[in-house]
Amino acid sequence: MLVLLLERSAISGCKSVLFEGKCAPASACAGDEFMNQIIDVIEKEQQKSEVTPFSVGDSVRVHTRVVEGDKERIQIFTGIVIGRKGRGLNETFTVRRISYGEGVERVFPLHSPRVARVEVEQQGRARRAKLNYLRTRKGKEATAVRE
């Protein structure tokens, strides 16, 4: 059924969204494109211009701003990047470390004003996009990224 509807729209030359077998009016698509341009401009303003290049498997130190009362201080979270997710303003990365024998993971938004900076301590050699297998490892081998 859905394939038949898509074929009909391809034959008729409609390039807009299908809704119950009917094409939406062209003016609806033009409004969406205008809104997307506005959103892109706002996202560009919010993005950080100087982002440290790092990849999955790298050992990093993430400097986060912590507000306690009326004071602000920098707190450092050190660990291995086990994944990156999203794109643009919504991009996040997950850092894992072993603290007192317990695994701790934190997810940081890349363009957040709370993240002061990211330092790469050591480059890792990972052959995967997500290093979820490190969660099952114990001891020193939990920090070894080499495969």
C-alpha atoms as a PDB file:
ATOM      1  CA  MET A   1       0.000   0.000   0.000  1.00  0.00           C
ATOM      2  CA  LEU A   2       2.713   2.482   1.025  1.00  0.00           C
ATOM      3  CA  VAL A   3       4.878   1.522  -1.955  1.00  0.00           C
ATOM      4  CA  LEU A   4       1.948   2.143  -4.297  1.00  0.00           C
ATOM      5  CA  LEU A   5       1.405   5.613  -2.808  1.00  0.00           C
ATOM      6  CA  LEU A   6       5.087   6.469  -3.135  1.00  0.00           C
ATOM      7  CA  GLU A   7       5.089   5.307  -6.764  1.00  0.00           C
ATOM      8  CA  ARG A   8       2.037   7.473  -7.518  1.00  0.00           C
ATOM      9  CA  SER A   9       3.747  10.536  -6.065  1.00  0.00           C
ATOM     10  CA  ALA A  10       6.912   9.784  -8.068  1.00  0.00           C
ATOM     11  CA  ILE A  11       4.884   9.491 -11.267  1.00  0.00           C
ATOM     12  CA  SER A  12       2.900  12.676 -10.645  1.00  0.00           C
ATOM     13  CA  GLY A  13       6.113  14.638  -9.935  1.00  0.00           C
ATOM     14  CA  CYS A  14       5.102  15.710  -6.433  1.00  0.00           C
ATOM     15  CA  LYS A  15       8.115  16.571  -4.254  1.00  0.00           C
ATOM     16  CA  SER A  16       6.250  17.372  -1.058  1.00  0.00           C
ATOM     17  CA  VAL A  17       5.178  15.266   1.896  1.00  0.00           C
ATOM     18  CA  LEU A  18       2.626  12.495   1.463  1.00  0.00           C
ATOM     19  CA  PHE A  19      -0.289  12.520   3.864  1.00  0.00           C
ATOM     20  CA  GLU A  20      -2.881   9.748   3.494  1.00  0.00           C
ATOM     21  CA  GLY A  21      -2.072   9.378  -0.192  1.00  0.00           C
ATOM     22  CA  LYS A  22      -2.343  13.105  -0.964  1.00  0.00           C
ATOM     23  CA  CYS A  23       0.454  15.564  -1.534  1.00  0.00           C
ATOM     24  CA  ALA A  24       0.701  18.550   0.775  1.00  0.00           C
ATOM     25  CA  PRO A  25       0.453  21.950  -0.910  1.00  0.00           C
ATOM     26  CA  ALA A  26       3.701  23.532  -2.089  1.00  0.00           C
ATOM     27  CA  SER A  27       3.215  26.505   0.236  1.00  0.00           C
ATOM     28  CA  ALA A  28       3.498  24.175   3.253  1.00  0.00           C
ATOM     29  CA  CYS A  29       6.915  22.995   2.057  1.00  0.00           C
ATOM     30  CA  ALA A  30       8.125  26.567   1.516  1.00  0.00           C
ATOM     31  CA  GLY A  31       7.218  27.451   5.111  1.00  0.00           C
ATOM     32  CA  ASP A  32       9.167  24.452   6.391  1.00  0.00           C
ATOM     33  CA  GLU A  33      12.270  25.467   4.441  1.00  0.00           C
ATOM     34  CA  PHE A  34      12.064  28.996   5.878  1.00  0.00           C
ATOM     35  CA  MET A  35      11.800  27.640   9.430  1.00  0.00           C
ATOM     36  CA  ASN A  36      14.757  25.305   8.832  1.00  0.00           C
ATOM     37  CA  GLN A  37      16.877  28.270   7.728  1.00  0.00           C
ATOM     38  CA  ILE A  38      15.949  30.188  10.886  1.00  0.00           C
ATOM     39  CA  ILE A  39      16.798  27.189  13.064  1.00  0.00           C
ATOM     40  CA  ASP A  40      20.147  26.753  11.274  1.00  0.00           C
ATOM     41  CA  VAL A  41      21.063  30.413  11.921  1.00  0.00           C
ATOM     42  CA  ILE A  42      20.186  30.132  15.632  1.00  0.00           C
ATOM     43  CA  GLU A  43      22.146  26.872  15.972  1.00  0.00           C
ATOM     44  CA  LYS A  44      25.214  28.424  14.299  1.00  0.00           C
ATOM     45  CA  GLU A  45      25.181  31.237  16.888  1.00  0.00           C
ATOM     46  CA  GLN A  46      25.050  28.732  19.768  1.00  0.00           C
ATOM     47  CA  GLN A  47      27.850  26.453  18.497  1.00  0.00           C
ATOM     48  CA  LYS A  48      31.370  26.807  19.849  1.00  0.00           C
ATOM     49  CA  SER A  49      33.858  27.968  17.248  1.00  0.00           C
ATOM     50  CA  GLU A  50      36.954  26.360  18.805  1.00  0.00           C
ATOM     51  CA  VAL A  51      36.193  22.702  19.529  1.00  0.00           C
ATOM     52  CA  THR A  52      39.114  20.404  20.291  1.00  0.00           C
ATOM     53  CA  PRO A  53      39.224  17.578  17.748  1.00  0.00           C
ATOM     54  CA  PHE A  54      39.048  14.184  19.460  1.00  0.00           C
ATOM     55  CA  SER A  55      37.720  10.776  18.555  1.00  0.00           C
ATOM     56  CA  VAL A  56      36.384   7.635  20.172  1.00  0.00           C
ATOM     57  CA  GLY A  57      39.075   5.839  22.161  1.00  0.00           C
ATOM     58  CA  ASP A  58      40.982   8.965  23.198  1.00  0.00           C
ATOM     59  CA  SER A  59      41.795   9.627  26.865  1.00  0.00           C
ATOM     60  CA  VAL A  60      40.424  13.084  27.625  1.00  0.00           C
ATOM     61  CA  ARG A  61      40.119  15.570  30.471  1.00  0.00           C
ATOM     62  CA  VAL A  62      36.796  17.404  30.367  1.00  0.00           C
ATOM     63  CA  HIS A  63      36.791  20.711  32.247  1.00  0.00           C
ATOM     64  CA  THR A  64      33.230  21.461  33.404  1.00  0.00           C
ATOM     65  CA  ARG A  65      31.945  24.603  35.069  1.00  0.00           C
ATOM     66  CA  VAL A  66      30.172  23.854  38.348  1.00  0.00           C
ATOM     67  CA  VAL A  67      28.077  26.523  40.072  1.00  0.00           C
ATOM     68  CA  GLU A  68      27.813  26.227  43.859  1.00  0.00           C
ATOM     69  CA  GLY A  69      25.764  29.029  45.333  1.00  0.00           C
ATOM     70  CA  ASP A  70      27.201  32.244  43.922  1.00  0.00           C
ATOM     71  CA  LYS A  71      30.655  30.754  43.190  1.00  0.00           C
ATOM     72  CA  GLU A  72      31.761  29.012  40.024  1.00  0.00           C
ATOM     73  CA  ARG A  73      34.624  26.535  39.804  1.00  0.00           C
ATOM     74  CA  ILE A  74      36.102  24.143  37.261  1.00  0.00           C
ATOM     75  CA  GLN A  75      35.763  20.404  37.859  1.00  0.00           C
ATOM     76  CA  ILE A  76      37.765  17.925  35.781  1.00  0.00           C
ATOM     77  CA  PHE A  77      36.407  14.551  34.638  1.00  0.00           C
ATOM     78  CA  THR A  78      39.105  12.293  33.180  1.00  0.00           C
ATOM     79  CA  GLY A  79      38.363   9.140  31.204  1.00  0.00           C
ATOM     80  CA  ILE A  80      38.066   7.407  27.842  1.00  0.00           C
ATOM     81  CA  VAL A  81      35.640   8.561  25.163  1.00  0.00           C
ATOM     82  CA  ILE A  82      33.467   5.505  24.485  1.00  0.00           C
ATOM     83  CA  GLY A  83      31.051   7.104  22.028  1.00  0.00           C
ATOM     84  CA  ARG A  84      29.935  10.159  20.120  1.00  0.00           C
ATOM     85  CA  LYS A  85      26.372  10.791  19.084  1.00  0.00           C
ATOM     86  CA  GLY A  86      24.350  13.399  17.225  1.00  0.00           C
ATOM     87  CA  ARG A  87      25.418  16.198  14.959  1.00  0.00           C
ATOM     88  CA  GLY A  88      25.505  19.952  14.998  1.00  0.00           C
ATOM     89  CA  LEU A  89      24.327  21.583  18.197  1.00  0.00           C
ATOM     90  CA  ASN A  90      22.932  18.307  19.558  1.00  0.00           C
ATOM     91  CA  GLU A  91      26.248  16.433  19.451  1.00  0.00           C
ATOM     92  CA  THR A  92      27.204  14.617  22.657  1.00  0.00           C
ATOM     93  CA  PHE A  93      30.059  12.396  23.758  1.00  0.00           C
ATOM     94  CA  THR A  94      30.265   9.807  26.546  1.00  0.00           C
ATOM     95  CA  VAL A  95      33.306   9.555  28.810  1.00  0.00           C
ATOM     96  CA  ARG A  96      33.931   6.521  31.038  1.00  0.00           C
ATOM     97  CA  ARG A  97      36.353   6.086  33.922  1.00  0.00           C
ATOM     98  CA  ILE A  98      36.896   3.713  36.815  1.00  0.00           C
ATOM     99  CA  SER A  99      36.445   5.435  40.185  1.00  0.00           C
ATOM    100  CA  TYR A 100      37.095   3.409  43.365  1.00  0.00           C
ATOM    101  CA  GLY A 101      36.576   0.167  41.454  1.00  0.00           C
ATOM    102  CA  GLU A 102      33.229   1.288  40.031  1.00  0.00           C
ATOM    103  CA  GLY A 103      32.637   2.342  36.436  1.00  0.00           C
ATOM    104  CA  VAL A 104      31.365   5.901  36.031  1.00  0.00           C
ATOM    105  CA  GLU A 105      30.057   7.333  32.752  1.00  0.00           C
ATOM    106  CA  ARG A 106      29.053  10.890  31.954  1.00  0.00           C
ATOM    107  CA  VAL A 107      27.463  12.258  28.828  1.00  0.00           C
ATOM    108  CA  PHE A 108      28.571  15.767  27.850  1.00  0.00           C
ATOM    109  CA  PRO A 109      26.989  18.015  25.221  1.00  0.00           C
ATOM    110  CA  LEU A 110      29.837  19.114  22.966  1.00  0.00           C
ATOM    111  CA  HIS A 111      28.656  22.719  22.553  1.00  0.00           C
ATOM    112  CA  SER A 112      27.423  23.277  26.118  1.00  0.00           C
ATOM    113  CA  PRO A 113      28.555  26.439  27.922  1.00  0.00           C
ATOM    114  CA  ARG A 114      29.075  24.219  31.003  1.00  0.00           C
ATOM    115  CA  VAL A 115      31.931  22.416  29.226  1.00  0.00           C
ATOM    116  CA  ALA A 116      34.871  24.806  29.497  1.00  0.00           C
ATOM    117  CA  ARG A 117      37.273  22.762  27.381  1.00  0.00           C
ATOM    118  CA  VAL A 118      38.296  19.249  26.405  1.00  0.00           C
ATOM    119  CA  GLU A 119      41.957  18.216  26.564  1.00  0.00           C
ATOM    120  CA  VAL A 120      43.214  15.119  24.788  1.00  0.00           C
ATOM    121  CA  GLU A 121      45.692  13.315  27.071  1.00  0.00           C
ATOM    122  CA  GLN A 122      46.404  10.342  24.831  1.00  0.00           C
ATOM    123  CA  GLN A 123      45.215   9.330  21.377  1.00  0.00           C
ATOM    124  CA  GLY A 124      43.473   5.963  21.235  1.00  0.00           C
ATOM    125  CA  ARG A 125      43.389   3.458  18.402  1.00  0.00           C
ATOM    126  CA  ALA A 126      39.793   2.304  18.194  1.00  0.00           C
ATOM    127  CA  ARG A 127      38.361   0.447  15.232  1.00  0.00           C
ATOM    128  CA  ARG A 128      34.752   0.937  16.282  1.00  0.00           C
ATOM    129  CA  ALA A 129      32.396   3.870  16.664  1.00  0.00           C
ATOM    130  CA  LYS A 130      31.159   2.802  20.122  1.00  0.00           C
ATOM    131  CA  LEU A 131      33.336   1.099  22.726  1.00  0.00           C
ATOM    132  CA  ASN A 132      30.558  -0.572  24.730  1.00  0.00           C
ATOM    133  CA  TYR A 133      32.715  -3.670  25.230  1.00  0.00           C
ATOM    134  CA  LEU A 134      34.794  -1.714  27.791  1.00  0.00           C
ATOM    135  CA  ARG A 135      31.836  -1.881  30.180  1.00  0.00           C
ATOM    136  CA  THR A 136      32.303  -5.609  30.718  1.00  0.00           C
ATOM    137  CA  ARG A 137      36.074  -5.444  31.323  1.00  0.00           C
ATOM    138  CA  LYS A 138      37.599  -5.346  34.796  1.00  0.00           C
ATOM    139  CA  GLY A 139      40.702  -3.668  36.180  1.00  0.00           C
ATOM    140  CA  LYS A 140      43.432  -2.305  33.972  1.00  0.00           C
ATOM    141  CA  GLU A 141      42.083  -3.873  30.787  1.00  0.00           C
ATOM    142  CA  ALA A 142      38.996  -1.632  31.130  1.00  0.00           C
ATOM    143  CA  THR A 143      41.195   1.310  30.186  1.00  0.00           C
ATOM    144  CA  ALA A 144      42.981  -0.439  27.312  1.00  0.00           C
ATOM    145  CA  VAL A 145      41.490   0.709  24.029  1.00  0.00           C
ATOM    146  CA  ARG A 146      43.791  -1.123  21.652  1.00  0.00           C
ATOM    147  CA  GLU A 147      42.089  -4.000  19.868  1.00  0.00           C
END
